[in-house]
Structures are given as structure tokens and as C-alpha cells.
Amino acid sequence: MPYAFDPELAPYAELIPSVPLSEVIRRDGPPPDPALLAEIERRLPAYTPRREVTVEDRRVPGGAPLAGPGGARGEAPRETPGGAAGGAAGGAAGGAAGGAAGGAAGGAAGGAVGGAADGVLGGVPVRVFRPRAEGPLPAIIYLHGGGFVSGELDYFGVRCLRLADLVPAVVVAVDYRLAPEHPYPAALDDTFATLEWLTGAAGELGVDPDRIAAAGDSAGGNLATALALLTRDRGGPPLRFQFLDVPVTDDRLATPSMRAFTDTPMWNRPDAVLSWRYYLGGDGIAPPYAAPIRAADLSGLPPAFVAVCEFDPLRDEGIAYAQRLVQDGVPTELHLYPGAFHGAAIIADVALTRRMNADMVGALRRALHRTDD
């Protein structure tokens, strides 16, 4: 169906290949068309930091299973009443284009980290972006999109460089394990292990452990707020803020936007159905740490910024999650971007996406550099 995309975004929507998620998970599948890949890379945004930012690939302790069948780390999940599971939302500013266009967006970030899907016997792979600035600095744990099944750190290098430089903050991008080889809660286990490491290594990294935010897009937005739930329920380590960009929050496929957007670029309902099936390891009702909107109580979570796009199947569940946060007393800022599609802020450099990225930087800067610190 036709969509009234922002005029500057429309050419990007036409360029994005339509690749079913069932093909994305074929790790040995055929490579993308070289000409298409070259055109995608040519159009991807670039970023030159204003200050020096060092980039280092590391492996941090953890990644061993922390969860039992009841939920992450074995807690009995607290559920709200809900319909049967299905899947409402996956991740994916990475999506099909993520695998195809990974290299160019990495730019200054250097070479790719080995995929966490290969296992975590040597720890969780992370990429650390450290700006030259007077410290101690706040830190941001960044969790990439990709429908829980794909996504490369290189593809999100521009975003991480921008945040490190402009917030400024130490940014730790997590190369968490991917489904279907590693279903829930593997990715959340890796995320929590990264937070524990970051808190413990704060002195070495020049980080203020009281000013750590979790941020992510799509599936990464799911992991960011799931991490906030988990740290609240476990009593720490504490988070100061959560930035949720087009987040996955609901596994039920029941919202109007999820029902309507069956062929939108970057993410659509068929992708969401498969994404949830792969992430949960089959069909079934998701626990709240997998589908955060199912949590009975969101009170006590850190303040949030939620961004949603007009032509995104995840739009309405993002709005609903922001409403739940507000109703439970969590300071929350909600932005809906007209004319935008899922993942537009990652892949395009136009007036609208520049505003989206500026809003992200501004929200994190306000949260992490408050004058009362």
C-alpha cells in the first residue's frame, strides 16, 4: 500500500531490499547484490566527531545463563492479563539492510566485532567509545536493533560515535547473542552482564557509575527497558535513564499499526511474527522481561524517552508503553515523528532524521549532565 513518507525519506524507502526474516537468519545465505550494497553504503550517514573518540573492542565477563524458565535470572514474571501470544514487534534498524550495509556505517569505529551468536565462552563482545573529555563521564549502554536475530556493531557505529562525542559519554555497544540460535533470555543475560561489568570497571573507564543510561533501537529498545526492569527487581546496578527508539514491547500483534503495516520498509508485521517466534524459541506467552508491556508494575523505572515513527508497525505499542510508564509514575517524554518509517534515523541523513538524532542527543545530555549532579 502507498505511504505518505517524508519526501526526503521516500528515496531511502524505495532502496531498502525486502528480505524475509526467514532469509535473514540463514547465516550461510547468498551475499547481497554488490550494486545494491554499494548504493546503500553510499547513502548511509557519516559522522566526524568534534573531539577525539577512541574505539576499542573488548570481551567482558559474563554471558553465562542467568535465567530460569520463569524469566530472566529465574524470577517469577509478573504478568498483566493479555491475549494469546503471537508476536508484535521485532527489532531492526539493522534488519535486512543491517546485514547488507554494516560496513559503511561503522566508519571510524574500526573493524567488526565477531558475532556474539558464536557463543560467549570468552565473554560478551562489546565495543567501547571513549571521548576525550573531562571526567568522570556518564555512560550509555547501547543495544542495537535487528529483530533479535541480526545486527552488527559496525552498522550502528555512526550513532555510537555521535552519542560519545555530543552527549558526551562513554558508550558501550553490546554484541549480544542472537536468536534463533540463542533465544530469550540470552540477549538480556548478555546485556545485564555488560551493566555489571561497566559498573565494576567504572574507575578504569573514567565513568560515573551513578550516571549510566540504557539506550537502544527496536529490539535494542526492548532490551534497554527489560534491563531497567531487571535492575529494579534485582536491586541494581542502578540506571539513570532509558532511551527507547522505536521499541519492541508487546508480543501480541494486536495494535492497529501492527495489523495495518504489513509491507512497510525495514520492519513489518510478517517480520514481527517470525521475530517473536525466533526470540521466544517457539510460540507461547512471553514473560515480562521479554515483552515489557506485560509487566504488572512499571513504577520505579528510570525516566524514559520513547520515540516512535508514523509508518512503523511498532508505533502503537511504543505509544502504549509510554502511556503505561506515565500511569505508573515514571517521568516519560514521547515523540512521534510524522512521515518516518522504522529505522529511518539510522539509515538516512535528511532534515527529519537529523532532528530525530538531535532529540536523542539532547535527551541523553539532559538526563546525564543535569546541573544538580
Protein backbone atom coordinates (compact mmCIF):
# COMPACT_ATOMS: atom_id res chain seq x y z
CA MET A 1 0.00 0.00 0.00
CA PRO A 2 1.21 3.60 -0.57
CA TYR A 3 2.55 5.59 2.38
CA ALA A 4 2.94 9.35 2.79
CA PHE A 5 6.61 9.22 3.72
CA ASP A 6 8.54 12.42 4.32
CA PRO A 7 9.57 13.48 0.77
CA GLU A 8 13.28 13.36 1.61
CA LEU A 9 12.90 9.87 3.12
CA ALA A 10 10.96 8.35 0.23
CA PRO A 11 14.06 7.52 -1.89
CA TYR A 12 15.51 5.56 1.03
CA ALA A 13 12.30 3.57 1.41
CA GLU A 14 12.46 2.60 -2.25
CA LEU A 15 16.06 1.43 -1.91
CA ILE A 16 15.63 -0.89 1.08
CA PRO A 17 15.52 -4.53 -0.05
CA SER A 18 12.58 -6.65 1.04
CA VAL A 19 14.16 -9.70 2.65
CA PRO A 20 12.01 -12.05 4.76
CA LEU A 21 13.32 -12.68 8.25
CA SER A 22 13.44 -16.38 7.41
CA GLU A 23 16.18 -15.48 4.91
CA VAL A 24 17.96 -13.10 7.29
CA ILE A 25 18.60 -15.94 9.76
CA ARG A 26 20.29 -18.04 7.07
CA ARG A 27 23.85 -17.33 8.21
CA ASP A 28 25.18 -19.11 5.13
CA GLY A 29 22.76 -17.46 2.72
CA PRO A 30 23.83 -15.83 -0.55
CA PRO A 31 25.52 -12.42 -0.29
CA PRO A 32 23.52 -9.30 -1.20
CA ASP A 33 23.70 -7.82 -4.66
CA PRO A 34 27.01 -5.86 -4.80
CA ALA A 35 25.48 -2.94 -6.71
CA LEU A 36 22.66 -2.60 -4.19
CA LEU A 37 25.12 -2.88 -1.32
CA ALA A 38 27.28 -0.13 -2.82
CA GLU A 39 24.28 2.17 -3.23
CA ILE A 40 23.09 1.56 0.34
CA GLU A 41 26.56 2.25 1.71
CA ARG A 42 26.81 5.42 -0.37
CA ARG A 43 23.62 6.76 1.20
CA LEU A 44 24.29 5.80 4.80
CA PRO A 45 25.04 8.74 7.09
CA ALA A 46 28.61 9.54 8.08
CA TYR A 47 29.82 11.34 11.18
CA THR A 48 33.09 13.05 12.02
CA PRO A 49 33.50 13.58 15.78
CA ARG A 50 34.27 17.07 17.01
CA ARG A 51 36.53 15.65 19.68
CA GLU A 52 38.79 12.63 19.75
CA VAL A 53 36.91 9.39 20.38
CA THR A 54 38.88 6.20 20.92
CA VAL A 55 37.22 2.94 19.94
CA GLU A 56 38.15 -0.39 21.49
CA ASP A 57 36.74 -3.90 21.07
CA ARG A 58 36.69 -5.91 24.29
CA ARG A 59 35.16 -9.00 25.81
CA VAL A 60 33.63 -8.54 29.21
CA PRO A 61 32.95 -11.23 31.82
CA GLY A 62 29.56 -12.87 31.79
CA GLY A 63 27.11 -14.15 29.28
CA ALA A 64 26.53 -17.39 31.17
CA PRO A 65 22.83 -18.19 31.58
CA LEU A 66 21.32 -16.12 34.38
CA ALA A 67 17.75 -17.18 33.81
CA GLY A 68 15.39 -19.98 34.58
CA PRO A 69 12.20 -20.85 32.73
CA GLY A 70 10.21 -18.31 34.73
CA GLY A 71 12.06 -15.30 33.39
CA ALA A 72 15.43 -13.60 33.38
CA ARG A 73 17.58 -14.67 36.33
CA GLY A 74 14.87 -17.11 37.34
CA GLU A 75 12.38 -14.62 38.83
CA ALA A 76 8.74 -15.49 38.53
CA PRO A 77 7.46 -12.96 35.98
CA ARG A 78 4.74 -10.53 36.97
CA GLU A 79 2.21 -10.53 34.13
CA THR A 80 -0.69 -8.37 33.18
CA PRO A 81 -3.74 -10.06 31.69
CA GLY A 82 -3.29 -10.45 27.99
CA GLY A 83 -4.37 -12.35 24.95
CA ALA A 84 -2.56 -15.20 23.39
CA ALA A 85 0.94 -14.55 22.26
CA GLY A 86 1.77 -14.08 18.71
CA GLY A 87 4.36 -11.55 18.12
CA ALA A 88 4.18 -7.91 17.90
CA ALA A 89 7.37 -6.44 17.05
CA GLY A 90 10.84 -7.26 16.46
CA GLY A 91 13.85 -5.19 16.22
CA ALA A 92 15.51 -3.79 13.46
CA ALA A 93 17.01 -0.78 12.22
CA GLY A 94 19.51 -3.45 11.34
CA GLY A 95 17.00 -5.84 9.80
CA ALA A 96 17.75 -6.95 6.30
CA ALA A 97 19.57 -3.75 5.49
CA GLY A 98 21.70 -4.10 8.61
CA GLY A 99 23.48 -7.14 7.37
CA ALA A 100 23.78 -5.69 3.91
CA ALA A 101 25.07 -2.30 4.90
CA GLY A 102 27.06 -2.94 8.04
CA GLY A 103 30.47 -1.78 6.97
CA ALA A 104 29.89 1.79 5.90
CA ALA A 105 28.09 2.96 9.00
CA GLY A 106 30.93 1.68 11.13
CA GLY A 107 33.32 4.14 9.55
CA ALA A 108 35.65 5.36 12.24
CA ALA A 109 34.57 2.60 14.58
CA GLY A 110 37.00 0.19 13.01
CA GLY A 111 36.55 -3.47 12.21
CA ALA A 112 33.60 -5.57 13.19
CA VAL A 113 33.47 -7.46 16.44
CA GLY A 114 32.97 -11.19 15.98
CA GLY A 115 29.31 -12.15 16.22
CA ALA A 116 28.12 -12.91 19.72
CA ALA A 117 25.91 -15.62 18.23
CA ASP A 118 29.04 -17.75 18.08
CA GLY A 119 28.84 -18.04 21.85
CA VAL A 120 30.23 -16.28 24.89
CA LEU A 121 32.82 -18.69 26.22
CA GLY A 122 35.27 -15.79 26.12
CA GLY A 123 32.79 -13.27 27.49
CA VAL A 124 30.38 -10.82 25.91
CA PRO A 125 31.83 -8.84 22.96
CA VAL A 126 31.42 -5.08 23.36
CA ARG A 127 32.73 -2.00 21.59
CA VAL A 128 33.72 0.91 23.83
CA PHE A 129 33.63 4.50 22.51
CA ARG A 130 35.54 6.85 24.85
CA PRO A 131 35.53 10.60 24.13
CA ARG A 132 38.35 12.87 25.20
CA ALA A 133 36.61 14.98 27.84
CA GLU A 134 36.96 15.87 31.49
CA GLY A 135 35.64 13.08 33.66
CA PRO A 136 34.26 11.20 35.25
CA LEU A 137 31.80 10.87 32.38
CA PRO A 138 28.37 9.31 32.23
CA ALA A 139 27.98 6.09 30.27
CA ILE A 140 25.46 4.71 27.80
CA ILE A 141 24.91 1.01 27.20
CA TYR A 142 23.79 0.87 23.56
CA LEU A 143 21.76 -2.09 22.31
CA HIS A 144 21.35 -2.47 18.57
CA GLY A 145 18.25 -3.39 16.63
CA GLY A 146 17.86 -6.33 14.29
CA GLY A 147 14.71 -8.19 15.25
CA PHE A 148 16.64 -10.17 17.90
CA VAL A 149 18.16 -12.17 15.02
CA SER A 150 20.56 -9.80 13.24
CA GLY A 151 22.55 -6.61 13.61
CA GLU A 152 26.24 -5.75 13.51
CA LEU A 153 28.06 -3.22 15.66
CA ASP A 154 29.58 -1.61 12.56
CA TYR A 155 26.12 -0.69 11.31
CA PHE A 156 25.49 1.36 14.46
CA GLY A 157 28.93 2.94 14.64
CA VAL A 158 27.78 6.37 13.45
CA ARG A 159 25.12 6.56 16.16
CA CYS A 160 27.53 5.47 18.89
CA LEU A 161 30.21 7.92 17.73
CA ARG A 162 27.68 10.74 17.73
CA LEU A 163 26.50 9.94 21.25
CA ALA A 164 30.03 9.58 22.62
CA ASP A 165 31.04 12.89 21.09
CA LEU A 166 27.98 15.07 21.63
CA VAL A 167 26.48 13.90 24.92
CA PRO A 168 29.44 13.36 25.80
CA ALA A 169 29.55 9.90 27.35
CA VAL A 170 31.39 6.61 27.28
CA VAL A 171 29.29 4.40 25.01
CA VAL A 172 29.40 0.62 25.36
CA ALA A 173 27.76 -1.14 22.40
CA VAL A 174 26.84 -4.75 23.16
CA ASP A 175 27.23 -7.53 20.59
CA TYR A 176 24.66 -9.70 22.34
CA ARG A 177 23.83 -13.24 21.27
CA LEU A 178 21.20 -13.62 18.57
CA ALA A 179 18.15 -15.80 18.09
CA PRO A 180 17.20 -18.31 16.87
CA GLU A 181 20.47 -19.97 17.87
CA HIS A 182 20.27 -18.20 21.24
CA PRO A 183 16.65 -17.43 22.17
CA TYR A 184 15.44 -15.43 25.16
CA PRO A 185 16.92 -14.75 27.67
CA ALA A 186 20.43 -14.97 26.14
CA ALA A 187 20.46 -11.39 24.83
CA LEU A 188 19.18 -10.00 28.13
CA ASP A 189 21.72 -12.07 30.05
CA ASP A 190 24.50 -10.51 27.94
CA THR A 191 23.04 -7.05 28.50
CA PHE A 192 22.87 -7.46 32.27
CA ALA A 193 26.40 -8.87 32.34
CA THR A 194 27.60 -5.78 30.47
CA LEU A 195 25.97 -3.46 33.00
CA GLU A 196 27.58 -5.36 35.88
CA TRP A 197 30.97 -5.13 34.17
CA LEU A 198 30.56 -1.44 33.36
CA THR A 199 29.67 -0.63 36.95
CA GLY A 200 32.65 -2.57 38.26
CA ALA A 201 35.06 -1.06 35.70
CA ALA A 202 33.80 2.50 36.16
CA GLY A 203 37.08 3.71 37.66
CA GLU A 204 39.18 2.23 34.86
CA LEU A 205 36.91 3.72 32.20
CA GLY A 206 36.51 7.13 33.82
CA VAL A 207 32.77 6.57 34.27
CA ASP A 208 30.45 7.85 36.98
CA PRO A 209 28.54 4.67 37.97
CA ASP A 210 25.58 6.77 39.15
CA ARG A 211 25.05 8.16 35.64
CA ILE A 212 24.53 5.14 33.39
CA ALA A 213 21.76 5.04 30.78
CA ALA A 214 20.43 2.18 28.69
CA ALA A 215 19.58 3.05 25.10
CA GLY A 216 18.53 1.00 22.13
CA ASP A 217 16.53 0.89 18.94
CA SER A 218 13.80 -1.60 18.15
CA ALA A 219 14.84 -4.97 19.61
CA GLY A 220 17.55 -3.00 21.40
CA GLY A 221 14.87 -0.74 22.85
CA ASN A 222 13.22 -3.87 24.20
CA LEU A 223 16.47 -4.94 25.84
CA ALA A 224 17.08 -1.45 27.27
CA THR A 225 13.77 -1.30 29.12
CA ALA A 226 13.94 -5.01 30.03
CA LEU A 227 17.31 -4.22 31.61
CA ALA A 228 15.66 -1.40 33.56
CA LEU A 229 13.01 -3.83 34.82
CA LEU A 230 15.62 -6.41 35.75
CA THR A 231 17.86 -3.98 37.62
CA ARG A 232 14.85 -2.62 39.52
CA ASP A 233 13.78 -6.10 40.55
CA ARG A 234 17.32 -7.20 41.45
CA GLY A 235 18.16 -4.02 43.34
CA GLY A 236 20.80 -2.76 40.92
CA PRO A 237 23.13 -1.85 39.42
CA PRO A 238 21.11 1.35 39.00
CA LEU A 239 20.25 3.07 35.73
CA ARG A 240 19.76 6.83 35.46
CA PHE A 241 17.77 6.90 32.20
CA GLN A 242 16.35 4.79 29.39
CA PHE A 243 16.16 5.89 25.74
CA LEU A 244 13.78 3.72 23.74
CA ASP A 245 13.90 4.29 20.00
CA VAL A 246 11.02 2.55 18.14
CA PRO A 247 10.99 -0.10 20.90
CA VAL A 248 9.60 -3.61 20.78
CA THR A 249 7.39 -4.00 23.85
CA ASP A 250 4.47 -6.32 23.06
CA ASP A 251 4.31 -9.86 21.70
CA ARG A 252 0.59 -9.93 20.88
CA LEU A 253 0.40 -8.42 17.38
CA ALA A 254 -2.85 -6.73 18.32
CA THR A 255 -2.31 -2.99 17.84
CA PRO A 256 -3.82 -1.08 14.91
CA SER A 257 -0.40 -0.19 13.49
CA MET A 258 0.80 -3.79 13.75
CA ARG A 259 -2.30 -5.01 11.93
CA ALA A 260 -2.12 -2.32 9.23
CA PHE A 261 1.57 -2.18 8.28
CA THR A 262 2.21 -5.47 6.51
CA ASP A 263 4.64 -4.17 3.87
CA THR A 264 6.41 -1.14 5.39
CA PRO A 265 10.17 -0.79 4.81
CA MET A 266 12.68 -2.04 7.37
CA TRP A 267 10.02 -3.73 9.54
CA ASN A 268 6.51 -5.08 9.05
CA ARG A 269 4.01 -7.47 10.56
CA PRO A 270 5.34 -10.66 8.89
CA ASP A 271 8.81 -9.83 10.22
CA ALA A 272 7.38 -9.30 13.70
CA VAL A 273 5.61 -12.67 13.71
CA LEU A 274 8.83 -14.51 12.91
CA SER A 275 10.93 -12.35 15.19
CA TRP A 276 8.93 -13.24 18.26
CA ARG A 277 8.87 -16.91 17.31
CA TYR A 278 12.65 -16.95 16.98
CA TYR A 279 13.25 -14.88 20.12
CA LEU A 280 10.96 -16.95 22.34
CA GLY A 281 12.11 -20.25 20.88
CA GLY A 282 8.63 -21.08 19.64
CA ASP A 283 5.08 -19.89 20.18
CA GLY A 284 3.83 -19.01 23.63
CA ILE A 285 3.14 -16.16 26.00
CA ALA A 286 6.18 -14.01 26.61
CA PRO A 287 7.30 -13.21 30.16
CA PRO A 288 7.52 -9.52 31.09
CA TYR A 289 11.31 -9.40 30.72
CA ALA A 290 10.78 -10.42 27.08
CA ALA A 291 7.64 -8.33 26.43
CA PRO A 292 7.89 -5.44 28.92
CA ILE A 293 4.35 -4.16 28.38
CA ARG A 294 3.19 -7.35 30.13
CA ALA A 295 4.81 -6.24 33.40
CA ALA A 296 2.12 -5.57 36.02
CA ASP A 297 4.05 -2.69 37.56
CA LEU A 298 6.42 -0.26 35.81
CA SER A 299 6.86 2.04 38.80
CA GLY A 300 10.40 2.65 39.98
CA LEU A 301 11.89 2.52 36.48
CA PRO A 302 14.26 5.30 35.42
CA PRO A 303 12.93 8.27 33.43
CA ALA A 304 12.34 7.47 29.77
CA PHE A 305 12.35 8.97 26.30
CA VAL A 306 10.26 6.98 23.80
CA ALA A 307 10.49 7.67 20.05
CA VAL A 308 8.04 6.22 17.54
CA CYS A 309 7.53 6.64 13.79
CA GLU A 310 4.26 7.17 11.94
CA PHE A 311 4.69 4.31 9.43
CA ASP A 312 6.05 1.65 11.77
CA PRO A 313 4.14 -1.42 12.97
CA LEU A 314 5.75 -0.81 16.38
CA ARG A 315 4.25 2.69 16.62
CA ASP A 316 1.20 1.93 18.75
CA GLU A 317 2.88 -0.42 21.20
CA GLY A 318 5.56 2.21 21.76
CA ILE A 319 2.87 4.79 22.50
CA ALA A 320 1.04 2.34 24.76
CA TYR A 321 4.23 1.57 26.66
CA ALA A 322 4.93 5.27 27.16
CA GLN A 323 1.40 5.68 28.50
CA ARG A 324 1.94 2.81 30.92
CA LEU A 325 5.16 4.38 32.14
CA VAL A 326 3.40 7.70 32.78
CA GLN A 327 0.48 6.00 34.52
CA ASP A 328 2.92 4.22 36.83
CA GLY A 329 4.68 7.43 37.76
CA VAL A 330 7.75 7.25 35.52
CA PRO A 331 8.79 10.63 34.02
CA THR A 332 8.44 9.98 30.29
CA GLU A 333 8.85 12.01 27.12
CA LEU A 334 7.12 10.65 23.99
CA HIS A 335 7.93 11.78 20.45
CA LEU A 336 6.05 10.65 17.33
CA TYR A 337 7.76 11.55 14.06
CA PRO A 338 5.31 12.07 11.16
CA GLY A 339 6.38 10.73 7.77
CA ALA A 340 9.06 8.45 9.22
CA PHE A 341 9.39 4.69 8.92
CA HIS A 342 11.12 2.18 11.19
CA GLY A 343 14.85 2.72 11.50
CA ALA A 344 14.89 5.91 9.42
CA ALA A 345 17.13 7.72 11.91
CA ILE A 346 19.82 5.07 11.44
CA ILE A 347 19.92 4.86 7.66
CA ALA A 348 19.12 8.38 6.39
CA ASP A 349 20.63 11.85 6.69
CA VAL A 350 17.77 14.25 5.92
CA ALA A 351 16.17 17.11 7.84
CA LEU A 352 13.73 14.84 9.68
CA THR A 353 16.31 12.27 10.76
CA ARG A 354 18.73 14.99 11.80
CA ARG A 355 16.02 16.28 14.12
CA MET A 356 15.39 12.76 15.42
CA ASN A 357 19.07 12.27 16.21
CA ALA A 358 19.36 15.72 17.77
CA ASP A 359 16.41 14.87 20.03
CA MET A 360 18.21 11.69 21.10
CA VAL A 361 21.42 13.52 21.93
CA GLY A 362 19.52 16.26 23.75
CA ALA A 363 17.50 13.86 25.88
CA LEU A 364 20.57 11.88 26.94
CA ARG A 365 22.58 15.03 27.60
CA ARG A 366 19.83 16.47 29.82
CA ALA A 367 19.44 13.22 31.72
CA LEU A 368 23.14 12.52 32.23
CA HIS A 369 24.53 16.04 32.69
CA ARG A 370 21.94 17.60 34.93
CA THR A 371 23.08 20.71 36.76
CA ASP A 372 22.24 19.19 40.13
CA ASP A 373 24.79 16.38 39.70
